Amino acid sequence: MVYYMEEGTIVKIDYDLFNAENDALIETTREETAKENDLHKEGQKYIPMTIVVGAGQLIEGFEESLLEAKANKDIELEIPPEKAYGERKSEDVETYGMEKMMRFVRDPESLAIGSSVEINGRTGILKYVAAGRARVDYNHPLAGQTLKYNYKIVEVIKGKNDKANAILESQTGHKGFSIKFKGNDLTVELPQEMLYDPNASMLKFRVVGSLRDGVGAEKVTFTEVHEPRTISEEEE
């Protein structure tokens, strides 16, 4: 069955993202594509991306295409900078004295060309160091580029519980959630492995907005169940 997309639809998308000018692969959800372009990373999970159509999770050009897309159809599009990450701006490249730079770097030994640097709440990329001065580029790494997407909507999520579960899994990287709705209030029991995730608090905070956009959740409650530790015979 073919579905037309509309705002609020939750879908899973497989995609390849290229620089349209030189056909260099930037990222992909497809393992075979990564291998073909020598960008395969061992241990990385290559799975479709779950998004809420029209929720502003993607760049403008991609969002516009999704609203006109059909499920299970291969789509190719090019997105100009103004509908992607904008044009590069010279005013977003700044030069600092190394003394000032060092005040903002937690680990000076980690500082290298191409590394991420945060100064006064802004995150940029260190591009150049010479004569006691450093140049930091605050433009998005893909600013100024025309992008090419090859994508397919591989699944349209139906059912409130399935939608909530898809959002939780895609945005936390964990599986095994127990979900219960009471009206529009949602209670989520976290899987055991997430209890030991050092980023759990941030992940919960981030996913709440997506649950409200995607399934109309109002009050969202996260619960934790700490199972008793099992003692092996060797430990007894």
Protein backbone atom coordinates (compact mmCIF):
# COMPACT_ATOMS: atom_id res chain seq x y z
CA MET A 1 0.00 0.00 0.00
CA VAL A 2 1.29 3.52 -0.83
CA TYR A 3 0.87 6.29 1.74
CA TYR A 4 1.11 10.01 1.17
CA MET A 5 2.91 11.91 3.91
CA GLU A 6 1.40 14.66 6.00
CA GLU A 7 2.57 16.62 9.02
CA GLY A 8 2.72 14.47 12.12
CA THR A 9 3.27 11.19 10.25
CA ILE A 10 6.03 9.08 11.80
CA VAL A 11 8.22 7.32 9.27
CA LYS A 12 11.44 5.35 8.98
CA ILE A 13 13.76 6.53 6.22
CA ASP A 14 16.81 4.99 4.58
CA TYR A 15 18.99 7.64 2.96
CA ASP A 16 22.36 8.48 1.43
CA LEU A 17 23.64 12.06 1.67
CA PHE A 18 26.21 13.31 -0.86
CA ASN A 19 27.95 16.56 -1.70
CA ALA A 20 26.20 17.30 -4.99
CA GLU A 21 29.28 19.00 -6.47
CA ASN A 22 31.71 16.08 -6.19
CA ASP A 23 29.44 13.11 -5.30
CA ALA A 24 31.37 12.51 -2.06
CA LEU A 25 29.34 10.54 0.46
CA ILE A 26 28.73 12.48 3.68
CA GLU A 27 26.59 10.02 5.63
CA THR A 28 24.24 7.09 5.11
CA THR A 29 21.92 4.72 6.93
CA ARG A 30 22.79 1.92 4.50
CA GLU A 31 25.75 -0.28 5.40
CA GLU A 32 26.34 -1.38 1.80
CA THR A 33 26.59 2.25 0.66
CA ALA A 34 29.10 2.99 3.42
CA LYS A 35 31.26 0.05 2.33
CA GLU A 36 31.07 1.01 -1.36
CA ASN A 37 32.33 4.51 -0.50
CA ASP A 38 35.03 3.45 1.99
CA LEU A 39 33.21 5.10 4.89
CA HIS A 40 32.16 1.97 6.75
CA LYS A 41 32.69 2.10 10.52
CA GLU A 42 32.93 -1.12 12.50
CA GLY A 43 30.46 -1.23 15.36
CA GLN A 44 28.21 1.46 13.93
CA LYS A 45 24.55 0.55 13.56
CA TYR A 46 23.19 1.16 10.08
CA ILE A 47 19.44 1.47 10.58
CA PRO A 48 16.70 3.66 9.09
CA MET A 49 16.19 7.09 10.65
CA THR A 50 12.88 7.65 12.47
CA ILE A 51 11.41 11.15 12.14
CA VAL A 52 8.14 13.03 12.65
CA VAL A 53 7.25 14.63 9.31
CA GLY A 54 6.92 18.40 9.57
CA ALA A 55 8.34 18.61 13.10
CA GLY A 56 11.42 20.54 12.01
CA GLN A 57 13.87 17.72 12.70
CA LEU A 58 15.38 17.99 9.21
CA ILE A 59 16.68 20.75 6.97
CA GLU A 60 14.03 22.74 5.11
CA GLY A 61 14.57 21.18 1.68
CA PHE A 62 14.30 17.63 3.02
CA GLU A 63 11.16 18.47 5.02
CA GLU A 64 9.50 19.92 1.91
CA SER A 65 10.31 16.81 -0.12
CA LEU A 66 8.92 14.48 2.55
CA LEU A 67 5.56 16.24 2.53
CA GLU A 68 5.21 15.32 -1.16
CA ALA A 69 6.72 11.83 -0.87
CA LYS A 70 5.19 8.39 -1.08
CA ALA A 71 6.24 5.38 0.94
CA ASN A 72 8.38 2.66 -0.69
CA LYS A 73 9.50 4.91 -3.52
CA ASP A 74 13.15 5.80 -4.27
CA ILE A 75 13.55 9.58 -4.33
CA GLU A 76 16.53 11.69 -5.38
CA LEU A 77 16.73 15.42 -4.80
CA GLU A 78 19.26 18.22 -4.64
CA ILE A 79 18.98 20.87 -1.94
CA PRO A 80 20.65 24.28 -2.39
CA PRO A 81 22.45 25.90 0.56
CA GLU A 82 19.60 28.28 1.33
CA LYS A 83 17.35 25.31 2.08
CA ALA A 84 20.08 23.28 3.75
CA TYR A 85 22.68 24.76 6.11
CA GLY A 86 22.91 28.23 4.59
CA GLU A 87 25.73 30.00 2.83
CA ARG A 88 29.11 30.32 4.49
CA LYS A 89 29.51 33.62 6.36
CA SER A 90 32.89 35.29 6.79
CA GLU A 91 31.69 36.90 10.02
CA ASP A 92 31.31 33.42 11.50
CA VAL A 93 35.07 32.88 11.28
CA GLU A 94 36.97 34.47 14.17
CA THR A 95 40.60 34.74 15.19
CA TYR A 96 41.77 34.56 18.81
CA GLY A 97 45.05 34.90 20.63
CA MET A 98 46.27 31.55 21.94
CA GLU A 99 46.20 32.83 25.53
CA LYS A 100 42.46 33.43 25.27
CA MET A 101 41.97 30.14 23.43
CA MET A 102 43.67 28.19 26.21
CA ARG A 103 41.27 29.63 28.80
CA PHE A 104 38.41 27.83 27.06
CA VAL A 105 40.08 24.50 26.32
CA ARG A 106 39.72 21.89 29.05
CA ASP A 107 42.43 19.64 27.66
CA PRO A 108 45.05 21.62 25.72
CA GLU A 109 46.69 18.39 24.53
CA SER A 110 43.51 17.48 22.67
CA LEU A 111 43.62 20.71 20.66
CA ALA A 112 44.32 20.01 16.99
CA ILE A 113 43.37 21.32 13.57
CA GLY A 114 39.84 20.09 12.87
CA SER A 115 38.92 19.62 16.53
CA SER A 116 35.77 21.09 18.07
CA VAL A 117 36.18 24.17 20.29
CA GLU A 118 33.59 25.91 22.46
CA ILE A 119 34.12 29.60 23.21
CA ASN A 120 31.55 31.77 24.98
CA GLY A 121 28.81 29.21 24.34
CA ARG A 122 29.57 28.90 20.60
CA THR A 123 30.95 25.69 19.13
CA GLY A 124 33.24 25.85 16.13
CA ILE A 125 36.06 24.02 14.38
CA LEU A 126 39.72 24.96 14.84
CA LYS A 127 41.01 25.67 11.33
CA TYR A 128 44.40 27.32 11.72
CA VAL A 129 47.09 27.98 14.33
CA ALA A 130 50.19 30.12 13.73
CA ALA A 131 52.19 32.94 15.31
CA GLY A 132 50.32 32.69 18.58
CA ARG A 133 46.89 33.03 17.01
CA ALA A 134 44.07 30.58 16.26
CA ARG A 135 41.24 30.73 13.71
CA VAL A 136 37.87 29.16 14.60
CA ASP A 137 35.11 28.55 12.04
CA TYR A 138 31.59 28.69 13.49
CA ASN A 139 29.85 27.93 10.17
CA HIS A 140 28.07 24.60 9.97
CA PRO A 141 30.45 22.06 8.35
CA LEU A 142 27.99 21.70 5.45
CA ALA A 143 27.33 25.43 5.01
CA GLY A 144 27.64 26.57 1.41
CA GLN A 145 27.18 23.07 -0.01
CA THR A 146 24.48 21.85 -2.36
CA LEU A 147 23.40 18.49 -0.98
CA LYS A 148 22.07 15.43 -2.77
CA TYR A 149 19.82 12.95 -1.00
CA ASN A 150 18.84 9.49 -2.22
CA TYR A 151 16.14 8.28 0.14
CA LYS A 152 13.20 5.95 0.60
CA ILE A 153 10.46 5.90 3.23
CA VAL A 154 10.70 2.24 4.21
CA GLU A 155 7.98 2.22 6.87
CA VAL A 156 5.05 4.34 8.03
CA ILE A 157 4.46 3.80 11.74
CA LYS A 158 0.82 3.20 12.71
CA GLY A 159 -0.71 2.97 16.17
CA LYS A 160 -0.03 5.23 19.14
CA ASN A 161 2.10 2.74 21.10
CA ASP A 162 4.15 1.80 18.04
CA LYS A 163 4.76 5.46 17.25
CA ALA A 164 5.90 6.22 20.80
CA ASN A 165 8.17 3.18 20.81
CA ALA A 166 9.72 4.11 17.47
CA ILE A 167 10.51 7.62 18.74
CA LEU A 168 12.00 6.30 21.98
CA GLU A 169 14.19 3.71 20.26
CA SER A 170 15.47 6.06 17.55
CA GLN A 171 16.34 8.94 19.88
CA THR A 172 17.86 6.96 22.76
CA GLY A 173 19.51 4.04 20.98
CA HIS A 174 17.89 1.63 23.44
CA LYS A 175 15.21 -1.03 23.06
CA GLY A 176 12.78 -2.72 25.45
CA PHE A 177 10.59 0.19 26.57
CA SER A 178 7.29 -0.55 28.29
CA ILE A 179 4.68 2.01 27.23
CA LYS A 180 1.31 2.83 28.74
CA PHE A 181 -1.12 5.58 27.75
CA LYS A 182 -3.86 6.94 29.99
CA GLY A 183 -5.67 9.38 27.77
CA ASN A 184 -2.86 11.55 26.41
CA ASP A 185 -0.64 11.01 29.45
CA LEU A 186 2.24 8.64 28.80
CA THR A 187 4.19 6.46 31.22
CA VAL A 188 7.42 4.91 29.99
CA GLU A 189 9.28 2.22 31.92
CA LEU A 190 12.93 2.41 30.94
CA PRO A 191 14.81 -0.73 29.87
CA GLN A 192 17.45 -2.00 32.29
CA GLU A 193 20.40 -1.13 30.05
CA MET A 194 19.36 2.54 29.87
CA LEU A 195 19.58 2.85 33.66
CA TYR A 196 23.36 2.64 33.31
CA ASP A 197 23.63 5.06 30.38
CA PRO A 198 25.50 8.21 31.56
CA ASN A 199 23.51 10.25 29.01
CA ALA A 200 20.10 8.97 30.19
CA SER A 201 18.99 12.29 31.72
CA MET A 202 19.78 14.24 28.56
CA LEU A 203 18.13 11.61 26.35
CA LYS A 204 14.90 11.70 28.39
CA PHE A 205 14.79 15.50 28.24
CA ARG A 206 15.30 15.51 24.47
CA VAL A 207 12.76 12.81 23.64
CA VAL A 208 9.86 14.46 25.48
CA GLY A 209 9.42 17.10 22.77
CA SER A 210 9.36 14.46 20.04
CA LEU A 211 6.74 12.44 21.95
CA ARG A 212 4.55 15.52 22.20
CA ASP A 213 4.96 16.29 18.48
CA GLY A 214 4.61 12.69 17.33
CA VAL A 215 1.87 11.17 19.50
CA GLY A 216 0.30 14.18 21.22
CA ALA A 217 1.64 13.15 24.63
CA GLU A 218 0.90 15.61 27.42
CA LYS A 219 2.27 14.48 30.78
CA VAL A 220 5.27 12.19 30.23
CA THR A 221 6.49 10.07 33.16
CA PHE A 222 9.62 7.93 33.08
CA THR A 223 9.85 5.08 35.59
CA GLU A 224 12.82 2.95 36.58
CA VAL A 225 12.66 -0.61 37.87
CA HIS A 226 15.88 -1.82 39.46
CA GLU A 227 15.92 -5.59 39.35
CA PRO A 228 17.68 -7.47 42.17
CA ARG A 229 21.24 -8.46 41.40
CA THR A 230 21.62 -12.15 40.60
CA ILE A 231 24.52 -13.80 42.43
CA SER A 232 26.28 -16.54 40.48
CA GLU A 233 27.41 -19.78 42.09
CA GLU A 234 31.04 -18.63 41.78
CA GLU A 235 30.31 -15.55 43.93
CA GLU A 236 28.59 -17.50 46.70
